[in-house]
């Protein structure tokens, strides 16, 4: 996970508008190749020859220095150009899937020095990012924008279905008519939304400011989705939250199409079996703290019993507030039955 986070942070350095991206774009337009290496403690034994620069970083300077055959070494914070025209001599026994001399040296250096290497190919007209043992082809902004737009359209449809299923589940909960299948359909849709959106975070990082509007739409589509799933699992699940989430995350998109598989993971019961909510999600919409919600669930065990509760039943927990809480419960129930979506 740390490696993924570090790579995302480094990807920001080559997003559109960033100084280093300006260098890359200028090199590709000029049909020039380059090796740009981020400094690391393990890099010194690998670099040979060249000359020390130790000057302030600027896109123009880096571009001019890349006209020489050797690699450029920059500081990790991109404030300094440290070396130019150096030869990279990593261990030749390190495995690489590349064939060209520049690409082989770049990938091996990234692995041996545990650093970030940018390889710009004039022949292939593409840019490869190497980080430790990972490789990533930098995509053109217009291509990413099309891809993100297409994925957002899929997410919009998935979110629409999720809202419809959630509204149905809310009403069924008020009427005590929930089946395992009804709950599984909501969980299924959440997991599909999460899996569909997994690659978008990297895409938005790579797009930089060019993806801001789409990123806002993306965040709106995902707002409250995972939180709702967690509350549903707490209301119905037979296993701990963490274990349930791990098991669900291991399902592929194809696996998620199997509702029975979800039922086995979350409930260990068949789809057609009726089930009662404990009431955590419903009660979270009232002016109650976590302890108060837990006290109610412990006392009444399920939402059906909460709906039947009288003022005196809640009196020992809430004293003078009991009557007000009873009224709030009834008002929320009526709102949900009239079509209000509860997340």
Protein backbone atom coordinates (compact mmCIF):
# COMPACT_ATOMS: atom_id res chain seq x y z
CA UNK A 1 0.00 0.00 0.00
CA UNK A 2 2.83 2.45 0.83
CA UNK A 3 4.40 1.69 -2.55
CA UNK A 4 1.10 2.50 -4.31
CA UNK A 5 0.72 5.76 -2.37
CA UNK A 6 4.31 6.80 -3.19
CA UNK A 7 3.71 6.08 -6.86
CA UNK A 8 0.55 8.21 -6.85
CA UNK A 9 2.55 11.03 -5.26
CA UNK A 10 5.21 10.71 -7.96
CA UNK A 11 2.57 10.57 -10.69
CA UNK A 12 1.45 14.04 -9.60
CA UNK A 13 4.91 15.31 -10.61
CA UNK A 14 4.23 14.40 -14.25
CA UNK A 15 0.59 15.49 -14.45
CA UNK A 16 -0.36 18.15 -17.05
CA UNK A 17 0.79 21.58 -15.99
CA UNK A 18 3.60 20.26 -13.78
CA UNK A 19 7.12 21.43 -14.76
CA UNK A 20 8.35 17.90 -15.40
CA UNK A 21 5.39 17.18 -17.68
CA UNK A 22 6.36 20.26 -19.70
CA UNK A 23 9.80 18.68 -20.24
CA UNK A 24 8.28 15.36 -21.30
CA UNK A 25 5.83 16.97 -23.73
CA UNK A 26 8.59 19.14 -25.27
CA UNK A 27 10.86 16.10 -25.69
CA UNK A 28 8.12 14.12 -27.45
CA UNK A 29 7.29 17.07 -29.74
CA UNK A 30 10.98 17.41 -30.60
CA UNK A 31 11.29 13.63 -31.14
CA UNK A 32 14.00 13.36 -28.50
CA UNK A 33 14.61 10.54 -26.07
CA UNK A 34 15.65 10.93 -22.44
CA UNK A 35 16.34 9.24 -19.12
CA UNK A 36 15.39 11.28 -16.05
CA UNK A 37 16.26 9.68 -12.72
CA UNK A 38 15.20 10.77 -9.24
CA UNK A 39 18.05 10.73 -6.73
CA UNK A 40 18.20 8.09 -3.99
CA UNK A 41 20.85 6.82 -1.52
CA UNK A 42 21.36 3.69 -3.63
CA UNK A 43 21.86 5.56 -6.91
CA UNK A 44 25.49 6.74 -6.57
CA UNK A 45 27.17 3.36 -7.34
CA UNK A 46 25.07 3.09 -10.51
CA UNK A 47 25.91 6.39 -12.21
CA UNK A 48 29.17 6.75 -14.16
CA UNK A 49 30.78 9.67 -15.93
CA UNK A 50 28.84 12.77 -16.84
CA UNK A 51 29.20 15.96 -14.84
CA UNK A 52 27.74 17.49 -11.71
CA UNK A 53 25.27 20.34 -12.28
CA UNK A 54 23.70 21.10 -8.89
CA UNK A 55 21.62 23.94 -10.32
CA UNK A 56 18.05 25.08 -9.80
CA UNK A 57 15.48 22.93 -11.60
CA UNK A 58 13.70 24.44 -14.57
CA UNK A 59 11.95 22.73 -17.51
CA UNK A 60 14.09 24.65 -20.00
CA UNK A 61 17.38 23.55 -18.39
CA UNK A 62 16.32 19.92 -18.20
CA UNK A 63 15.15 19.96 -21.81
CA UNK A 64 18.47 21.36 -23.04
CA UNK A 65 20.47 18.86 -20.97
CA UNK A 66 18.38 15.99 -22.34
CA UNK A 67 19.75 16.76 -25.81
CA UNK A 68 22.90 14.94 -24.67
CA UNK A 69 22.92 11.16 -24.73
CA UNK A 70 23.29 10.49 -21.00
CA UNK A 71 20.77 10.45 -18.17
CA UNK A 72 19.72 13.42 -16.04
CA UNK A 73 19.57 13.04 -12.24
CA UNK A 74 17.19 15.34 -10.35
CA UNK A 75 16.50 15.74 -6.64
CA UNK A 76 13.45 14.02 -5.19
CA UNK A 77 11.78 17.35 -4.43
CA UNK A 78 12.51 18.55 -7.99
CA UNK A 79 14.30 21.67 -6.75
CA UNK A 80 17.71 20.72 -8.19
CA UNK A 81 19.25 19.23 -11.31
CA UNK A 82 22.10 17.20 -9.80
CA UNK A 83 23.88 15.48 -12.72
CA UNK A 84 23.74 15.45 -16.51
CA UNK A 85 24.98 13.19 -19.29
CA UNK A 86 25.64 10.31 -16.87
CA UNK A 87 25.86 6.65 -17.84
CA UNK A 88 23.57 4.33 -15.90
CA UNK A 89 25.33 1.05 -15.08
CA UNK A 90 22.92 -1.05 -13.02
CA UNK A 91 23.45 -4.76 -12.33
CA UNK A 92 22.90 -6.53 -15.66
CA UNK A 93 21.55 -9.61 -13.87
CA UNK A 94 18.42 -7.71 -12.76
CA UNK A 95 15.46 -8.98 -14.75
CA UNK A 96 13.88 -6.61 -17.24
CA UNK A 97 11.13 -7.04 -19.80
CA UNK A 98 12.56 -4.26 -21.98
CA UNK A 99 14.75 -4.69 -25.06
CA UNK A 100 16.12 -1.24 -25.89
CA UNK A 101 19.33 -0.11 -24.18
CA UNK A 102 17.77 3.02 -22.65
CA UNK A 103 14.68 1.18 -21.38
CA UNK A 104 16.70 -1.73 -19.96
CA UNK A 105 19.00 0.65 -18.08
CA UNK A 106 16.05 2.68 -16.79
CA UNK A 107 14.05 -0.28 -15.50
CA UNK A 108 17.08 -1.92 -13.86
CA UNK A 109 18.08 1.39 -12.23
CA UNK A 110 14.59 1.86 -10.80
CA UNK A 111 14.71 -1.62 -9.27
CA UNK A 112 18.29 -1.49 -7.97
CA UNK A 113 18.22 2.09 -6.64
CA UNK A 114 14.61 1.87 -5.42
CA UNK A 115 13.79 5.09 -7.21
CA UNK A 116 11.64 6.71 -9.87
CA UNK A 117 12.87 6.74 -13.48
CA UNK A 118 11.25 8.44 -16.47
CA UNK A 119 12.08 6.98 -19.87
CA UNK A 120 11.10 9.05 -22.91
CA UNK A 121 11.37 7.15 -26.20
CA UNK A 122 11.76 9.12 -29.41
CA UNK A 123 11.22 5.99 -31.52
CA UNK A 124 8.14 4.69 -29.71
CA UNK A 125 6.86 8.21 -28.99
CA UNK A 126 5.82 7.21 -25.49
CA UNK A 127 6.90 7.77 -21.91
CA UNK A 128 7.47 4.92 -19.45
CA UNK A 129 7.52 5.47 -15.70
CA UNK A 130 9.49 2.94 -13.64
CA UNK A 131 9.17 2.86 -9.88
CA UNK A 132 10.87 0.07 -7.91
CA UNK A 133 9.45 -3.01 -9.62
CA UNK A 134 6.49 -1.28 -11.28
CA UNK A 135 6.12 0.09 -14.80
CA UNK A 136 3.50 2.47 -16.10
CA UNK A 137 2.98 3.98 -19.56
CA UNK A 138 2.09 7.66 -19.31
CA UNK A 139 -1.07 8.27 -21.30
CA UNK A 140 -2.06 11.33 -23.30
CA UNK A 141 -4.55 13.60 -21.52
CA UNK A 142 -7.21 13.41 -24.26
CA UNK A 143 -7.11 9.59 -24.15
CA UNK A 144 -7.51 9.58 -20.35
CA UNK A 145 -10.35 12.10 -20.51
CA UNK A 146 -12.28 9.88 -22.92
CA UNK A 147 -11.67 6.84 -20.73
CA UNK A 148 -12.68 8.64 -17.54
CA UNK A 149 -15.80 10.05 -19.21
CA UNK A 150 -16.85 6.55 -20.27
CA UNK A 151 -16.24 5.15 -16.76
CA UNK A 152 -18.22 8.00 -15.17
CA UNK A 153 -21.19 7.18 -17.39
CA UNK A 154 -21.08 3.59 -16.11
CA UNK A 155 -20.83 4.85 -12.51
CA UNK A 156 -23.80 7.17 -13.02
CA UNK A 157 -25.95 4.23 -14.08
CA UNK A 158 -24.66 2.10 -11.20
CA UNK A 159 -25.39 4.91 -8.72
CA UNK A 160 -28.91 5.26 -10.10
CA UNK A 161 -29.53 1.54 -9.58
CA UNK A 162 -27.98 1.73 -6.10
CA UNK A 163 -30.33 4.57 -5.07
CA UNK A 164 -33.36 2.64 -6.34
CA UNK A 165 -32.36 -0.54 -4.48
CA UNK A 166 -31.62 1.41 -1.30
CA UNK A 167 -35.00 3.14 -1.43
CA UNK A 168 -36.70 -0.24 -1.81
CA UNK A 169 -34.69 -1.69 1.10
CA UNK A 170 -35.64 1.28 3.30
CA UNK A 171 -39.36 0.73 2.71
CA UNK A 172 -39.07 -3.04 3.22
CA UNK A 173 -37.31 -2.42 6.55
CA UNK A 174 -40.21 -0.27 7.73
CA UNK A 175 -42.60 -3.11 6.87
CA UNK A 176 -40.43 -5.98 8.18
CA UNK A 177 -40.40 -7.64 4.74
CA UNK A 178 -36.65 -7.78 4.06
CA UNK A 179 -35.09 -10.90 2.55
CA UNK A 180 -31.41 -11.80 2.32
CA UNK A 181 -31.70 -11.19 -1.43
CA UNK A 182 -32.84 -7.57 -0.93
CA UNK A 183 -29.80 -6.78 1.22
CA UNK A 184 -27.40 -8.61 -1.09
CA UNK A 185 -28.54 -6.58 -4.08
CA UNK A 186 -27.56 -3.33 -2.36
CA UNK A 187 -24.19 -4.73 -1.26
CA UNK A 188 -23.61 -6.11 -4.76
CA UNK A 189 -24.18 -2.68 -6.30
CA UNK A 190 -21.84 -0.96 -3.81
CA UNK A 191 -19.02 -3.40 -4.59
CA UNK A 192 -19.57 -2.95 -8.34
CA UNK A 193 -19.33 0.83 -7.93
CA UNK A 194 -16.14 0.54 -5.85
CA UNK A 195 -14.45 -1.86 -8.27
CA UNK A 196 -15.46 0.19 -11.32
CA UNK A 197 -13.95 3.31 -9.76
CA UNK A 198 -10.65 1.75 -8.61
CA UNK A 199 -8.54 3.03 -11.51
CA UNK A 200 -10.04 6.51 -11.57
CA UNK A 201 -7.93 7.82 -8.69
CA UNK A 202 -4.75 7.16 -10.68
CA UNK A 203 -6.33 8.69 -13.80
CA UNK A 204 -7.30 11.88 -11.95
CA UNK A 205 -3.79 12.15 -10.53
CA UNK A 206 -2.33 11.80 -14.01
CA UNK A 207 -4.77 14.37 -15.42
CA UNK A 208 -3.90 16.97 -12.79
CA UNK A 209 -5.97 20.16 -13.08
CA UNK A 210 -7.43 19.01 -16.40
CA UNK A 211 -9.53 16.45 -14.53
CA UNK A 212 -10.88 18.72 -11.77
CA UNK A 213 -14.46 18.96 -13.06
CA UNK A 214 -14.73 15.21 -13.67
CA UNK A 215 -13.13 14.53 -10.29
CA UNK A 216 -15.87 16.55 -8.58
CA UNK A 217 -18.52 14.50 -10.38
CA UNK A 218 -16.72 11.29 -9.41
CA UNK A 219 -16.66 12.23 -5.72
CA UNK A 220 -20.35 13.11 -5.82
CA UNK A 221 -21.23 9.73 -7.35
CA UNK A 222 -19.34 7.87 -4.62
CA UNK A 223 -20.56 10.07 -1.76
CA UNK A 224 -21.98 7.97 1.06
CA UNK A 225 -21.88 4.69 -0.88
CA UNK A 226 -19.28 2.81 1.20
CA UNK A 227 -20.57 4.30 4.45
CA UNK A 228 -24.04 2.95 3.61
CA UNK A 229 -22.60 -0.50 2.93
CA UNK A 230 -20.79 -0.50 6.28
CA UNK A 231 -24.01 0.37 8.09
CA UNK A 232 -25.92 -2.34 6.25
CA UNK A 233 -23.27 -4.93 7.13
CA UNK A 234 -23.47 -3.82 10.76
CA UNK A 235 -27.27 -4.21 10.64
CA UNK A 236 -27.38 -7.63 9.00
CA UNK A 237 -23.95 -9.30 8.83
CA UNK A 238 -22.94 -12.40 10.73
CA UNK A 239 -19.17 -11.68 10.65
CA UNK A 240 -17.09 -8.71 11.80
CA UNK A 241 -17.02 -5.62 9.58
CA UNK A 242 -13.33 -6.00 8.68
CA UNK A 243 -13.61 -9.68 7.78
CA UNK A 244 -16.73 -9.10 5.71
CA UNK A 245 -15.12 -6.22 3.79
CA UNK A 246 -12.00 -8.26 3.07
CA UNK A 247 -14.04 -11.21 1.77
CA UNK A 248 -16.13 -8.92 -0.44
CA UNK A 249 -13.05 -7.15 -1.83
CA UNK A 250 -11.66 -10.51 -2.93
CA UNK A 251 -14.63 -11.10 -5.24
CA UNK A 252 -14.03 -10.28 -8.91
CA UNK A 253 -16.61 -8.38 -10.96
CA UNK A 254 -17.78 -11.73 -12.33
CA UNK A 255 -17.96 -13.12 -8.79
CA UNK A 256 -20.14 -10.20 -7.73
CA UNK A 257 -22.78 -11.26 -10.25
CA UNK A 258 -23.44 -14.29 -8.05
CA UNK A 259 -25.84 -13.10 -5.32
CA UNK A 260 -25.64 -16.46 -3.59
CA UNK A 261 -21.88 -16.00 -3.13
CA UNK A 262 -22.51 -12.65 -1.43
CA UNK A 263 -25.19 -14.24 0.77
CA UNK A 264 -22.75 -16.94 1.88
CA UNK A 265 -20.06 -14.36 2.72
CA UNK A 266 -22.19 -11.84 4.59
CA UNK A 267 -24.97 -13.94 6.11
CA UNK A 268 -24.15 -17.62 5.74
CA UNK A 269 -27.84 -18.01 4.84
CA UNK A 270 -29.89 -18.61 1.64
CA UNK A 271 -31.18 -15.70 -0.44
CA UNK A 272 -34.88 -16.36 0.16
CA UNK A 273 -34.67 -16.27 3.95
CA UNK A 274 -36.29 -13.28 5.69
CA UNK A 275 -34.10 -11.18 7.96
CA UNK A 276 -34.55 -8.29 10.40
CA UNK A 277 -32.37 -5.22 10.64
CA UNK A 278 -30.75 -4.46 13.97
CA UNK A 279 -31.53 -0.79 13.39
CA UNK A 280 -28.09 0.86 13.52
CA UNK A 281 -28.51 2.58 10.13
CA UNK A 282 -32.03 3.82 10.91
CA UNK A 283 -31.12 5.11 14.37
CA UNK A 284 -27.99 6.91 13.04
CA UNK A 285 -30.34 9.44 11.41
CA UNK A 286 -31.69 10.55 14.78
CA UNK A 287 -30.01 12.91 17.24
CA UNK A 288 -28.35 10.05 19.11
CA UNK A 289 -24.68 9.33 19.79
CA UNK A 290 -23.05 5.96 19.14
CA UNK A 291 -23.43 4.77 22.74
CA UNK A 292 -27.12 5.67 22.78
CA UNK A 293 -27.69 3.82 19.50
CA UNK A 294 -25.85 0.76 20.82
CA UNK A 295 -27.89 0.87 24.04
CA UNK A 296 -31.16 0.86 22.07
CA UNK A 297 -30.03 -2.02 19.82
CA UNK A 298 -28.84 -4.02 22.84
CA UNK A 299 -32.17 -3.50 24.64
CA UNK A 300 -34.52 -4.15 21.70
CA UNK A 301 -32.33 -6.39 19.44
CA UNK A 302 -34.05 -5.34 16.19
CA UNK A 303 -35.82 -2.39 14.55
CA UNK A 304 -39.21 -4.09 14.67
CA UNK A 305 -39.11 -4.06 18.48
CA UNK A 306 -37.95 -0.42 18.45
CA UNK A 307 -41.04 0.56 16.45
CA UNK A 308 -43.25 -1.09 19.08
CA UNK A 309 -41.49 0.65 21.98
CA UNK A 310 -43.42 2.97 24.30
CA UNK A 311 -42.18 6.05 26.09
CA UNK A 312 -41.77 4.11 29.31
CA UNK A 313 -39.65 1.47 27.50
CA UNK A 314 -37.08 4.14 26.61
CA UNK A 315 -37.47 6.01 29.87
CA UNK A 316 -34.77 4.06 31.70
CA UNK A 317 -32.27 4.89 28.94
CA UNK A 318 -33.18 8.50 28.16
CA UNK A 319 -35.35 9.82 30.96
CA UNK A 320 -37.20 12.98 29.91
CA UNK A 321 -35.92 12.65 26.31
CA UNK A 322 -37.77 9.36 25.77
CA UNK A 323 -40.97 10.88 24.44
CA UNK A 324 -39.10 13.12 21.99
CA UNK A 325 -37.07 10.15 20.70
CA UNK A 326 -40.25 8.08 20.22
CA UNK A 327 -41.70 10.94 18.14
CA UNK A 328 -38.50 11.23 16.08
CA UNK A 329 -38.55 7.49 15.35
CA UNK A 330 -42.14 7.65 14.14
CA UNK A 331 -41.52 10.77 12.02
CA UNK A 332 -38.48 9.22 10.33
CA UNK A 333 -40.41 6.03 9.65
CA UNK A 334 -43.20 8.01 7.98
CA UNK A 335 -40.70 9.97 5.86
CA UNK A 336 -39.08 6.77 4.60
CA UNK A 337 -42.47 5.21 3.76
CA UNK A 338 -43.28 8.35 1.76
CA UNK A 339 -40.15 7.82 -0.37
CA UNK A 340 -37.31 9.65 1.37
CA UNK A 341 -33.99 7.84 0.74
CA UNK A 342 -32.11 6.99 3.92
CA UNK A 343 -28.38 6.35 3.41
